[in-house]
Amino acid sequence: MRAGALLGLVLGIGLLAIWVSMWEVDGAPRRRVSSSGPILRIRDDLVQVGLGSVPAGAVPVVCAGVGLLTALLVQSVSGASVVALALGGILAVLPLAALRAAAHRRRVELREVWPETVDHIASAVRAGLSLPEALVQVGQRGPEALRAPFVEFARDYQASGDFGSGLDRLKARLADPVGDRIVEALRITRDVGGTDLGLLLRTLSAFLREDARTRSELEARQSWTVNASRLALAAPWIVLALMSTRPQAAQAYDSPTGLAVILGGAVVSVIAYRVMLRIARLPQDERVLR
């Protein structure tokens, strides 16, 4: 009974801390969040997977809820509070990991179609269309993966006639570094004029094709190593989860010594995983033109 109360207290404090962090204190100085901040990254990931209407703060709440339910389930099956807390903390990151994986697949998909999109814009400009008309054409004849944001741009532009605000909304819907660069290049061309837009778009298209080809080759070569490392990381915790189904085995970890073993394994797992990601990480574009 005491262990269950302690478990509920710890998880309740965690949920309260997450809820409090979503609110700003009145009168407190507002600090600008960097373009790579966790909340902004979650927001971009939600936009990438088509969940732009979901607030970014809901993701930590879902993670905490999954961790709480997992911990309560393991506690009810095994009666071991230490094992319940450990497995609850591990499974709490699954919603965020699933979101990141889906957003990464979306970015890989866009990486393949951005050069074609740039070619569509360049062709429309060469044909004598204005910049707004060129972007509208992408929504009608461009790659399927990118038509929806440009269709929304066409609706915004037809409703307001404001090219600048339409570009801002387009950037928000794309949530992509390449899209940011293209949008800002079009904005500057529209504001100050220039005759080098066609050359700029052709150069950008060639660069994007080369970058996509290189990244695809590198990711294909390192994918088996990364997947093997993830499997090695998850294996001990899968064994712990299976052991928790037997109360006698789970009770062996429900002690200060068992807590030390689990904490030590968690620290080693996190450090090893971060080192693996650092070694295998490819340079990623950051959204600096929000």
C-alpha atoms as a PDB file:
ATOM      1  CA  MET A   1       0.000   0.000   0.000  1.00  0.00           C
ATOM      2  CA  ARG A   2       2.847   2.354   0.890  1.00  0.00           C
ATOM      3  CA  ALA A   3       4.630   1.564  -2.388  1.00  0.00           C
ATOM      4  CA  GLY A   4       1.468   2.285  -4.388  1.00  0.00           C
ATOM      5  CA  ALA A   5       1.012   5.621  -2.627  1.00  0.00           C
ATOM      6  CA  LEU A   6       4.629   6.558  -3.361  1.00  0.00           C
ATOM      7  CA  LEU A   7       4.186   5.622  -7.012  1.00  0.00           C
ATOM      8  CA  GLY A   8       1.044   7.740  -7.320  1.00  0.00           C
ATOM      9  CA  LEU A   9       2.754  10.687  -5.587  1.00  0.00           C
ATOM     10  CA  VAL A  10       5.782  10.617  -7.905  1.00  0.00           C
ATOM     11  CA  LEU A  11       3.709  10.375 -11.070  1.00  0.00           C
ATOM     12  CA  GLY A  12       1.302  13.052  -9.820  1.00  0.00           C
ATOM     13  CA  ILE A  13       4.175  15.462  -9.193  1.00  0.00           C
ATOM     14  CA  GLY A  14       5.473  14.763 -12.702  1.00  0.00           C
ATOM     15  CA  LEU A  15       2.096  15.482 -14.290  1.00  0.00           C
ATOM     16  CA  LEU A  16       1.759  18.683 -12.249  1.00  0.00           C
ATOM     17  CA  ALA A  17       5.199  19.852 -13.345  1.00  0.00           C
ATOM     18  CA  ILE A  18       4.319  19.260 -17.009  1.00  0.00           C
ATOM     19  CA  TRP A  19       1.028  21.159 -16.610  1.00  0.00           C
ATOM     20  CA  VAL A  20       2.703  24.114 -14.879  1.00  0.00           C
ATOM     21  CA  SER A  21       5.401  24.336 -17.560  1.00  0.00           C
ATOM     22  CA  MET A  22       2.751  25.034 -20.218  1.00  0.00           C
ATOM     23  CA  TRP A  23       1.773  28.375 -18.668  1.00  0.00           C
ATOM     24  CA  GLU A  24       3.653  31.648 -18.481  1.00  0.00           C
ATOM     25  CA  VAL A  25       3.627  33.773 -15.365  1.00  0.00           C
ATOM     26  CA  ASP A  26       2.076  37.211 -15.925  1.00  0.00           C
ATOM     27  CA  GLY A  27       4.669  39.936 -15.886  1.00  0.00           C
ATOM     28  CA  ALA A  28       7.572  37.547 -16.337  1.00  0.00           C
ATOM     29  CA  PRO A  29      10.005  38.465 -19.094  1.00  0.00           C
ATOM     30  CA  ARG A  30       9.380  36.526 -22.259  1.00  0.00           C
ATOM     31  CA  ARG A  31      12.444  34.675 -23.436  1.00  0.00           C
ATOM     32  CA  ARG A  32      12.742  33.948 -27.110  1.00  0.00           C
ATOM     33  CA  VAL A  33      12.905  30.219 -27.738  1.00  0.00           C
ATOM     34  CA  SER A  34      15.612  29.150 -30.125  1.00  0.00           C
ATOM     35  CA  SER A  35      14.688  27.644 -33.458  1.00  0.00           C
ATOM     36  CA  SER A  36      15.882  24.257 -32.219  1.00  0.00           C
ATOM     37  CA  GLY A  37      13.966  24.389 -28.910  1.00  0.00           C
ATOM     38  CA  PRO A  38      12.089  21.235 -27.923  1.00  0.00           C
ATOM     39  CA  ILE A  39       8.617  22.810 -28.044  1.00  0.00           C
ATOM     40  CA  LEU A  40       9.215  24.332 -31.482  1.00  0.00           C
ATOM     41  CA  ARG A  41      10.609  21.029 -32.722  1.00  0.00           C
ATOM     42  CA  ILE A  42       7.535  19.177 -31.451  1.00  0.00           C
ATOM     43  CA  ARG A  43       5.319  21.769 -33.121  1.00  0.00           C
ATOM     44  CA  ASP A  44       7.137  21.315 -36.442  1.00  0.00           C
ATOM     45  CA  ASP A  45       6.876  17.535 -36.127  1.00  0.00           C
ATOM     46  CA  LEU A  46       3.120  17.791 -35.553  1.00  0.00           C
ATOM     47  CA  VAL A  47       2.746  19.970 -38.647  1.00  0.00           C
ATOM     48  CA  GLN A  48       4.822  17.526 -40.676  1.00  0.00           C
ATOM     49  CA  VAL A  49       2.574  14.575 -39.807  1.00  0.00           C
ATOM     50  CA  GLY A  50      -0.636  16.525 -40.440  1.00  0.00           C
ATOM     51  CA  LEU A  51      -1.513  17.270 -36.797  1.00  0.00           C
ATOM     52  CA  GLY A  52      -0.863  21.004 -36.879  1.00  0.00           C
ATOM     53  CA  SER A  53      -4.060  21.724 -34.915  1.00  0.00           C
ATOM     54  CA  VAL A  54      -2.791  19.718 -31.930  1.00  0.00           C
ATOM     55  CA  PRO A  55      -0.979  21.941 -29.382  1.00  0.00           C
ATOM     56  CA  ALA A  56       2.651  21.044 -28.780  1.00  0.00           C
ATOM     57  CA  GLY A  57       2.025  20.879 -25.040  1.00  0.00           C
ATOM     58  CA  ALA A  58      -0.319  17.932 -25.540  1.00  0.00           C
ATOM     59  CA  VAL A  59       2.578  15.639 -26.478  1.00  0.00           C
ATOM     60  CA  PRO A  60       4.253  15.712 -23.023  1.00  0.00           C
ATOM     61  CA  VAL A  61       0.838  15.136 -21.460  1.00  0.00           C
ATOM     62  CA  VAL A  62       0.279  12.069 -23.650  1.00  0.00           C
ATOM     63  CA  CYS A  63       3.768  10.802 -22.779  1.00  0.00           C
ATOM     64  CA  ALA A  64       3.062  11.234 -19.073  1.00  0.00           C
ATOM     65  CA  GLY A  65      -0.291   9.480 -19.442  1.00  0.00           C
ATOM     66  CA  VAL A  66       1.307   6.503 -21.202  1.00  0.00           C
ATOM     67  CA  GLY A  67       3.979   6.289 -18.510  1.00  0.00           C
ATOM     68  CA  LEU A  68       1.372   6.486 -15.739  1.00  0.00           C
ATOM     69  CA  LEU A  69      -0.837   3.783 -17.256  1.00  0.00           C
ATOM     70  CA  THR A  70       2.159   1.525 -17.858  1.00  0.00           C
ATOM     71  CA  ALA A  71       3.426   1.964 -14.316  1.00  0.00           C
ATOM     72  CA  LEU A  72       0.009   1.266 -12.816  1.00  0.00           C
ATOM     73  CA  LEU A  73      -0.422  -1.821 -15.006  1.00  0.00           C
ATOM     74  CA  VAL A  74       2.995  -3.241 -14.095  1.00  0.00           C
ATOM     75  CA  GLN A  75       2.397  -2.404 -10.435  1.00  0.00           C
ATOM     76  CA  SER A  76      -0.899  -4.281 -10.458  1.00  0.00           C
ATOM     77  CA  VAL A  77       0.657  -7.339 -12.155  1.00  0.00           C
ATOM     78  CA  SER A  78       3.988  -7.610 -10.359  1.00  0.00           C
ATOM     79  CA  GLY A  79       3.565  -5.539  -7.202  1.00  0.00           C
ATOM     80  CA  ALA A  80       7.128  -4.197  -7.668  1.00  0.00           C
ATOM     81  CA  SER A  81       7.209  -0.399  -7.521  1.00  0.00           C
ATOM     82  CA  VAL A  82      10.785  -0.062  -8.797  1.00  0.00           C
ATOM     83  CA  VAL A  83      10.117  -2.135 -11.902  1.00  0.00           C
ATOM     84  CA  ALA A  84       6.838  -0.284 -12.470  1.00  0.00           C
ATOM     85  CA  LEU A  85       8.536   3.106 -12.336  1.00  0.00           C
ATOM     86  CA  ALA A  86      11.347   1.955 -14.635  1.00  0.00           C
ATOM     87  CA  LEU A  87       9.065   0.513 -17.313  1.00  0.00           C
ATOM     88  CA  GLY A  88       6.669   3.449 -17.003  1.00  0.00           C
ATOM     89  CA  GLY A  89       9.508   5.910 -17.571  1.00  0.00           C
ATOM     90  CA  ILE A  90      10.773   3.988 -20.594  1.00  0.00           C
ATOM     91  CA  LEU A  91       7.397   3.595 -22.291  1.00  0.00           C
ATOM     92  CA  ALA A  92       6.550   7.232 -21.582  1.00  0.00           C
ATOM     93  CA  VAL A  93       8.865   8.277 -24.413  1.00  0.00           C
ATOM     94  CA  LEU A  94       7.166   6.047 -26.996  1.00  0.00           C
ATOM     95  CA  PRO A  95       4.591   8.663 -28.180  1.00  0.00           C
ATOM     96  CA  LEU A  96       7.348  11.224 -28.711  1.00  0.00           C
ATOM     97  CA  ALA A  97       9.538   8.648 -30.461  1.00  0.00           C
ATOM     98  CA  ALA A  98       6.655   7.642 -32.733  1.00  0.00           C
ATOM     99  CA  LEU A  99       6.013  11.304 -33.575  1.00  0.00           C
ATOM    100  CA  ARG A 100       9.679  11.906 -34.375  1.00  0.00           C
ATOM    101  CA  ALA A 101       9.830   8.794 -36.561  1.00  0.00           C
ATOM    102  CA  ALA A 102       6.715   9.802 -38.517  1.00  0.00           C
ATOM    103  CA  ALA A 103       8.035  13.344 -38.984  1.00  0.00           C
ATOM    104  CA  HIS A 104      11.385  11.978 -40.171  1.00  0.00           C
ATOM    105  CA  ARG A 105       9.668   9.789 -42.763  1.00  0.00           C
ATOM    106  CA  ARG A 106       7.720  12.816 -43.944  1.00  0.00           C
ATOM    107  CA  ARG A 107      10.900  14.892 -44.297  1.00  0.00           C
ATOM    108  CA  VAL A 108      12.562  12.093 -46.259  1.00  0.00           C
ATOM    109  CA  GLU A 109       9.549  12.024 -48.564  1.00  0.00           C
ATOM    110  CA  LEU A 110       9.686  15.807 -49.041  1.00  0.00           C
ATOM    111  CA  ARG A 111      13.419  15.660 -49.658  1.00  0.00           C
ATOM    112  CA  GLU A 112      12.720  13.639 -52.792  1.00  0.00           C
ATOM    113  CA  VAL A 113      10.050  15.997 -54.178  1.00  0.00           C
ATOM    114  CA  TRP A 114      11.467  19.438 -53.348  1.00  0.00           C
ATOM    115  CA  PRO A 115      13.669  19.558 -56.491  1.00  0.00           C
ATOM    116  CA  GLU A 116      10.629  18.824 -58.658  1.00  0.00           C
ATOM    117  CA  THR A 117       8.674  21.543 -56.850  1.00  0.00           C
ATOM    118  CA  VAL A 118      11.432  24.080 -57.458  1.00  0.00           C
ATOM    119  CA  ASP A 119      11.469  23.068 -61.127  1.00  0.00           C
ATOM    120  CA  HIS A 120       7.712  23.701 -61.333  1.00  0.00           C
ATOM    121  CA  ILE A 121       8.154  27.209 -59.886  1.00  0.00           C
ATOM    122  CA  ALA A 122      11.059  27.974 -62.208  1.00  0.00           C
ATOM    123  CA  SER A 123       9.121  26.761 -65.264  1.00  0.00           C
ATOM    124  CA  ALA A 124       6.110  28.873 -64.329  1.00  0.00           C
ATOM    125  CA  VAL A 125       8.310  31.958 -63.888  1.00  0.00           C
ATOM    126  CA  ARG A 126       9.970  31.364 -67.260  1.00  0.00           C
ATOM    127  CA  ALA A 127       6.522  31.047 -68.834  1.00  0.00           C
ATOM    128  CA  GLY A 128       5.719  34.572 -67.683  1.00  0.00           C
ATOM    129  CA  LEU A 129       3.504  33.832 -64.682  1.00  0.00           C
ATOM    130  CA  SER A 130       3.704  36.023 -61.608  1.00  0.00           C
ATOM    131  CA  LEU A 131       5.107  34.580 -58.384  1.00  0.00           C
ATOM    132  CA  PRO A 132       1.677  34.073 -56.770  1.00  0.00           C
ATOM    133  CA  GLU A 133       0.435  32.333 -59.906  1.00  0.00           C
ATOM    134  CA  ALA A 134       3.532  30.130 -59.966  1.00  0.00           C
ATOM    135  CA  LEU A 135       2.859  28.977 -56.409  1.00  0.00           C
ATOM    136  CA  VAL A 136      -0.809  28.374 -57.208  1.00  0.00           C
ATOM    137  CA  GLN A 137       0.281  26.167 -60.122  1.00  0.00           C
ATOM    138  CA  VAL A 138       2.299  24.009 -57.699  1.00  0.00           C
ATOM    139  CA  GLY A 139      -0.915  23.265 -55.820  1.00  0.00           C
ATOM    140  CA  GLN A 140      -2.525  22.116 -59.068  1.00  0.00           C
ATOM    141  CA  ARG A 141       0.273  20.360 -60.950  1.00  0.00           C
ATOM    142  CA  GLY A 142       3.084  19.950 -58.423  1.00  0.00           C
ATOM    143  CA  PRO A 143       4.113  16.805 -56.515  1.00  0.00           C
ATOM    144  CA  GLU A 144       1.237  15.165 -54.668  1.00  0.00           C
ATOM    145  CA  ALA A 145       3.024  15.327 -51.312  1.00  0.00           C
ATOM    146  CA  LEU A 146       3.197  19.133 -51.433  1.00  0.00           C
ATOM    147  CA  ARG A 147      -0.060  20.074 -53.127  1.00  0.00           C
ATOM    148  CA  ALA A 148      -2.118  20.594 -49.961  1.00  0.00           C
ATOM    149  CA  PRO A 149      -0.014  23.470 -48.489  1.00  0.00           C
ATOM    150  CA  PHE A 150       0.078  25.276 -51.837  1.00  0.00           C
ATOM    151  CA  VAL A 151      -3.673  24.812 -52.330  1.00  0.00           C
ATOM    152  CA  GLU A 152      -4.146  26.495 -48.944  1.00  0.00           C
ATOM    153  CA  PHE A 153      -1.817  29.280 -50.081  1.00  0.00           C
ATOM    154  CA  ALA A 154      -3.982  29.804 -53.159  1.00  0.00           C
ATOM    155  CA  ARG A 155      -7.073  30.128 -50.963  1.00  0.00           C
ATOM    156  CA  ASP A 156      -5.337  32.604 -48.650  1.00  0.00           C
ATOM    157  CA  TYR A 157      -4.104  34.712 -51.548  1.00  0.00           C
ATOM    158  CA  GLN A 158      -7.477  34.738 -53.276  1.00  0.00           C
ATOM    159  CA  ALA A 159      -9.181  35.764 -50.039  1.00  0.00           C
ATOM    160  CA  SER A 160      -6.778  38.519 -48.941  1.00  0.00           C
ATOM    161  CA  GLY A 161      -4.591  39.388 -51.936  1.00  0.00           C
ATOM    162  CA  ASP A 162      -1.680  39.778 -49.497  1.00  0.00           C
ATOM    163  CA  PHE A 163       1.306  37.880 -50.886  1.00  0.00           C
ATOM    164  CA  GLY A 164       3.456  38.406 -47.780  1.00  0.00           C
ATOM    165  CA  SER A 165       0.967  37.019 -45.275  1.00  0.00           C
ATOM    166  CA  GLY A 166       0.223  34.131 -47.634  1.00  0.00           C
ATOM    167  CA  LEU A 167       3.924  33.260 -47.674  1.00  0.00           C
ATOM    168  CA  ASP A 168       4.037  33.377 -43.864  1.00  0.00           C
ATOM    169  CA  ARG A 169       1.153  30.916 -43.617  1.00  0.00           C
ATOM    170  CA  LEU A 170       2.749  28.729 -46.272  1.00  0.00           C
ATOM    171  CA  LYS A 171       5.971  28.544 -44.244  1.00  0.00           C
ATOM    172  CA  ALA A 172       4.005  27.586 -41.136  1.00  0.00           C
ATOM    173  CA  ARG A 173       2.188  24.802 -43.016  1.00  0.00           C
ATOM    174  CA  LEU A 174       5.372  23.450 -44.577  1.00  0.00           C
ATOM    175  CA  ALA A 175       7.495  23.581 -41.369  1.00  0.00           C
ATOM    176  CA  ASP A 176      10.511  22.653 -43.470  1.00  0.00           C
ATOM    177  CA  PRO A 177      13.954  24.335 -43.786  1.00  0.00           C
ATOM    178  CA  VAL A 178      13.981  23.998 -47.579  1.00  0.00           C
ATOM    179  CA  GLY A 179      10.516  25.506 -47.774  1.00  0.00           C
ATOM    180  CA  ASP A 180      11.697  28.413 -45.608  1.00  0.00           C
ATOM    181  CA  ARG A 181      14.561  29.179 -47.983  1.00  0.00           C
ATOM    182  CA  ILE A 182      12.361  29.006 -51.075  1.00  0.00           C
ATOM    183  CA  VAL A 183       9.675  31.197 -49.515  1.00  0.00           C
ATOM    184  CA  GLU A 184      12.153  33.850 -48.391  1.00  0.00           C
ATOM    185  CA  ALA A 185      13.847  33.888 -51.807  1.00  0.00           C
ATOM    186  CA  LEU A 186      10.455  34.492 -53.432  1.00  0.00           C
ATOM    187  CA  ARG A 187       9.611  37.176 -50.892  1.00  0.00           C
ATOM    188  CA  ILE A 188      12.846  39.087 -51.515  1.00  0.00           C
ATOM    189  CA  THR A 189      12.379  38.818 -55.276  1.00  0.00           C
ATOM    190  CA  ARG A 190       8.834  40.140 -54.994  1.00  0.00           C
ATOM    191  CA  ASP A 191       9.859  43.030 -52.694  1.00  0.00           C
ATOM    192  CA  VAL A 192      13.051  44.278 -54.356  1.00  0.00           C
ATOM    193  CA  GLY A 193      12.800  42.795 -57.836  1.00  0.00           C
ATOM    194  CA  GLY A 194      15.552  41.030 -59.725  1.00  0.00           C
ATOM    195  CA  THR A 195      16.261  39.032 -62.842  1.00  0.00           C
ATOM    196  CA  ASP A 196      18.217  36.165 -61.267  1.00  0.00           C
ATOM    197  CA  LEU A 197      15.286  34.260 -59.783  1.00  0.00           C
ATOM    198  CA  GLY A 198      15.354  31.627 -62.531  1.00  0.00           C
ATOM    199  CA  LEU A 199      19.094  31.031 -62.059  1.00  0.00           C
ATOM    200  CA  LEU A 200      18.621  30.889 -58.296  1.00  0.00           C
ATOM    201  CA  LEU A 201      15.854  28.300 -58.546  1.00  0.00           C
ATOM    202  CA  ARG A 202      17.786  26.133 -60.995  1.00  0.00           C
ATOM    203  CA  THR A 203      20.868  26.218 -58.773  1.00  0.00           C
ATOM    204  CA  LEU A 204      18.776  25.355 -55.725  1.00  0.00           C
ATOM    205  CA  SER A 205      17.118  22.475 -57.563  1.00  0.00           C
ATOM    206  CA  ALA A 206      20.487  20.991 -58.549  1.00  0.00           C
ATOM    207  CA  PHE A 207      21.796  21.354 -54.994  1.00  0.00           C
ATOM    208  CA  LEU A 208      18.705  19.678 -53.501  1.00  0.00           C
ATOM    209  CA  ARG A 209      18.984  16.725 -55.892  1.00  0.00           C
ATOM    210  CA  GLU A 210      22.647  16.198 -55.027  1.00  0.00           C
ATOM    211  CA  ASP A 211      21.958  16.512 -51.301  1.00  0.00           C
ATOM    212  CA  ALA A 212      19.066  14.010 -51.475  1.00  0.00           C
ATOM    213  CA  ARG A 213      21.171  11.501 -53.409  1.00  0.00           C
ATOM    214  CA  THR A 214      24.083  11.757 -50.966  1.00  0.00           C
ATOM    215  CA  ARG A 215      21.887  11.487 -47.887  1.00  0.00           C
ATOM    216  CA  SER A 216      20.041   8.478 -49.266  1.00  0.00           C
ATOM    217  CA  GLU A 217      23.308   6.627 -49.851  1.00  0.00           C
ATOM    218  CA  LEU A 218      24.660   7.449 -46.385  1.00  0.00           C
ATOM    219  CA  GLU A 219      21.426   6.554 -44.596  1.00  0.00           C
ATOM    220  CA  ALA A 220      21.172   3.248 -46.470  1.00  0.00           C
ATOM    221  CA  ARG A 221      24.711   2.316 -45.393  1.00  0.00           C
ATOM    222  CA  GLN A 222      24.280   3.221 -41.746  1.00  0.00           C
ATOM    223  CA  SER A 223      20.673   2.062 -41.253  1.00  0.00           C
ATOM    224  CA  TRP A 224      21.598  -1.511 -40.312  1.00  0.00           C
ATOM    225  CA  THR A 225      24.103  -0.266 -37.719  1.00  0.00           C
ATOM    226  CA  VAL A 226      21.614   2.144 -36.165  1.00  0.00           C
ATOM    227  CA  ASN A 227      18.846  -0.472 -36.063  1.00  0.00           C
ATOM    228  CA  ALA A 228      21.159  -3.025 -34.466  1.00  0.00           C
ATOM    229  CA  SER A 229      22.164  -0.476 -31.828  1.00  0.00           C
ATOM    230  CA  ARG A 230      18.532   0.281 -31.037  1.00  0.00           C
ATOM    231  CA  LEU A 231      17.764  -3.408 -30.697  1.00  0.00           C
ATOM    232  CA  ALA A 232      20.704  -3.854 -28.333  1.00  0.00           C
ATOM    233  CA  LEU A 233      19.458  -0.894 -26.302  1.00  0.00           C
ATOM    234  CA  ALA A 234      15.895  -2.216 -26.045  1.00  0.00           C
ATOM    235  CA  ALA A 235      16.785  -5.862 -25.323  1.00  0.00           C
ATOM    236  CA  PRO A 236      17.506  -5.545 -21.554  1.00  0.00           C
ATOM    237  CA  TRP A 237      14.305  -3.587 -20.969  1.00  0.00           C
ATOM    238  CA  ILE A 238      12.257  -6.105 -22.938  1.00  0.00           C
ATOM    239  CA  VAL A 239      13.693  -8.816 -20.699  1.00  0.00           C
ATOM    240  CA  LEU A 240      12.796  -6.727 -17.631  1.00  0.00           C
ATOM    241  CA  ALA A 241       9.243  -6.303 -18.937  1.00  0.00           C
ATOM    242  CA  LEU A 242       8.914 -10.058 -19.449  1.00  0.00           C
ATOM    243  CA  MET A 243      10.284 -10.728 -15.970  1.00  0.00           C
ATOM    244  CA  SER A 244       7.731  -8.341 -14.475  1.00  0.00           C
ATOM    245  CA  THR A 245       4.989 -10.745 -15.512  1.00  0.00           C
ATOM    246  CA  ARG A 246       6.316 -13.100 -12.814  1.00  0.00           C
ATOM    247  CA  PRO A 247       5.854 -11.432  -9.429  1.00  0.00           C
ATOM    248  CA  GLN A 248       8.606 -13.522  -7.800  1.00  0.00           C
ATOM    249  CA  ALA A 249      11.206 -12.337 -10.319  1.00  0.00           C
ATOM    250  CA  ALA A 250       9.986  -8.730 -10.232  1.00  0.00           C
ATOM    251  CA  GLN A 251      10.178  -8.611  -6.426  1.00  0.00           C
ATOM    252  CA  ALA A 252      13.920  -9.278  -6.671  1.00  0.00           C
ATOM    253  CA  TYR A 253      14.333  -5.749  -8.080  1.00  0.00           C
ATOM    254  CA  ASP A 254      11.993  -4.150  -5.538  1.00  0.00           C
ATOM    255  CA  SER A 255      14.839  -3.261  -3.183  1.00  0.00           C
ATOM    256  CA  PRO A 256      17.562  -0.594  -2.875  1.00  0.00           C
ATOM    257  CA  THR A 257      19.991  -2.915  -4.656  1.00  0.00           C
ATOM    258  CA  GLY A 258      17.519  -3.549  -7.470  1.00  0.00           C
ATOM    259  CA  LEU A 259      16.868   0.178  -7.762  1.00  0.00           C
ATOM    260  CA  ALA A 260      20.610   0.824  -8.073  1.00  0.00           C
ATOM    261  CA  VAL A 261      20.917  -1.850 -10.778  1.00  0.00           C
ATOM    262  CA  ILE A 262      18.018  -0.418 -12.781  1.00  0.00           C
ATOM    263  CA  LEU A 263      19.241   3.176 -12.441  1.00  0.00           C
ATOM    264  CA  GLY A 264      22.742   2.145 -13.460  1.00  0.00           C
ATOM    265  CA  GLY A 265      21.403   0.312 -16.499  1.00  0.00           C
ATOM    266  CA  ALA A 266      19.246   3.310 -17.436  1.00  0.00           C
ATOM    267  CA  VAL A 267      22.181   5.720 -17.211  1.00  0.00           C
ATOM    268  CA  VAL A 268      24.413   3.444 -19.287  1.00  0.00           C
ATOM    269  CA  SER A 269      21.633   2.946 -21.859  1.00  0.00           C
ATOM    270  CA  VAL A 270      20.989   6.676 -22.243  1.00  0.00           C
ATOM    271  CA  ILE A 271      24.695   7.516 -22.546  1.00  0.00           C
ATOM    272  CA  ALA A 272      25.307   4.719 -25.067  1.00  0.00           C
ATOM    273  CA  TYR A 273      22.277   5.736 -27.126  1.00  0.00           C
ATOM    274  CA  ARG A 274      23.275   9.406 -27.186  1.00  0.00           C
ATOM    275  CA  VAL A 275      26.821   8.490 -28.228  1.00  0.00           C
ATOM    276  CA  MET A 276      25.463   6.254 -30.986  1.00  0.00           C
ATOM    277  CA  LEU A 277      23.235   9.061 -32.265  1.00  0.00           C
ATOM    278  CA  ARG A 278      26.124  11.540 -32.150  1.00  0.00           C
ATOM    279  CA  ILE A 279      28.400   9.230 -34.119  1.00  0.00           C
ATOM    280  CA  ALA A 280      25.771   8.332 -36.729  1.00  0.00           C
ATOM    281  CA  ARG A 281      24.213  11.789 -37.006  1.00  0.00           C
ATOM    282  CA  LEU A 282      24.165  13.481 -40.390  1.00  0.00           C
ATOM    283  CA  PRO A 283      24.103  17.294 -40.643  1.00  0.00           C
ATOM    284  CA  GLN A 284      20.503  18.485 -40.487  1.00  0.00           C
ATOM    285  CA  ASP A 285      19.028  21.732 -41.748  1.00  0.00           C
ATOM    286  CA  GLU A 286      17.658  23.997 -39.037  1.00  0.00           C
ATOM    287  CA  ARG A 287      14.715  26.336 -39.435  1.00  0.00           C
ATOM    288  CA  VAL A 288      16.434  29.704 -39.034  1.00  0.00           C
ATOM    289  CA  LEU A 289      14.029  31.615 -41.315  1.00  0.00           C
ATOM    290  CA  ARG A 290      10.779  31.151 -39.393  1.00  0.00           C
END
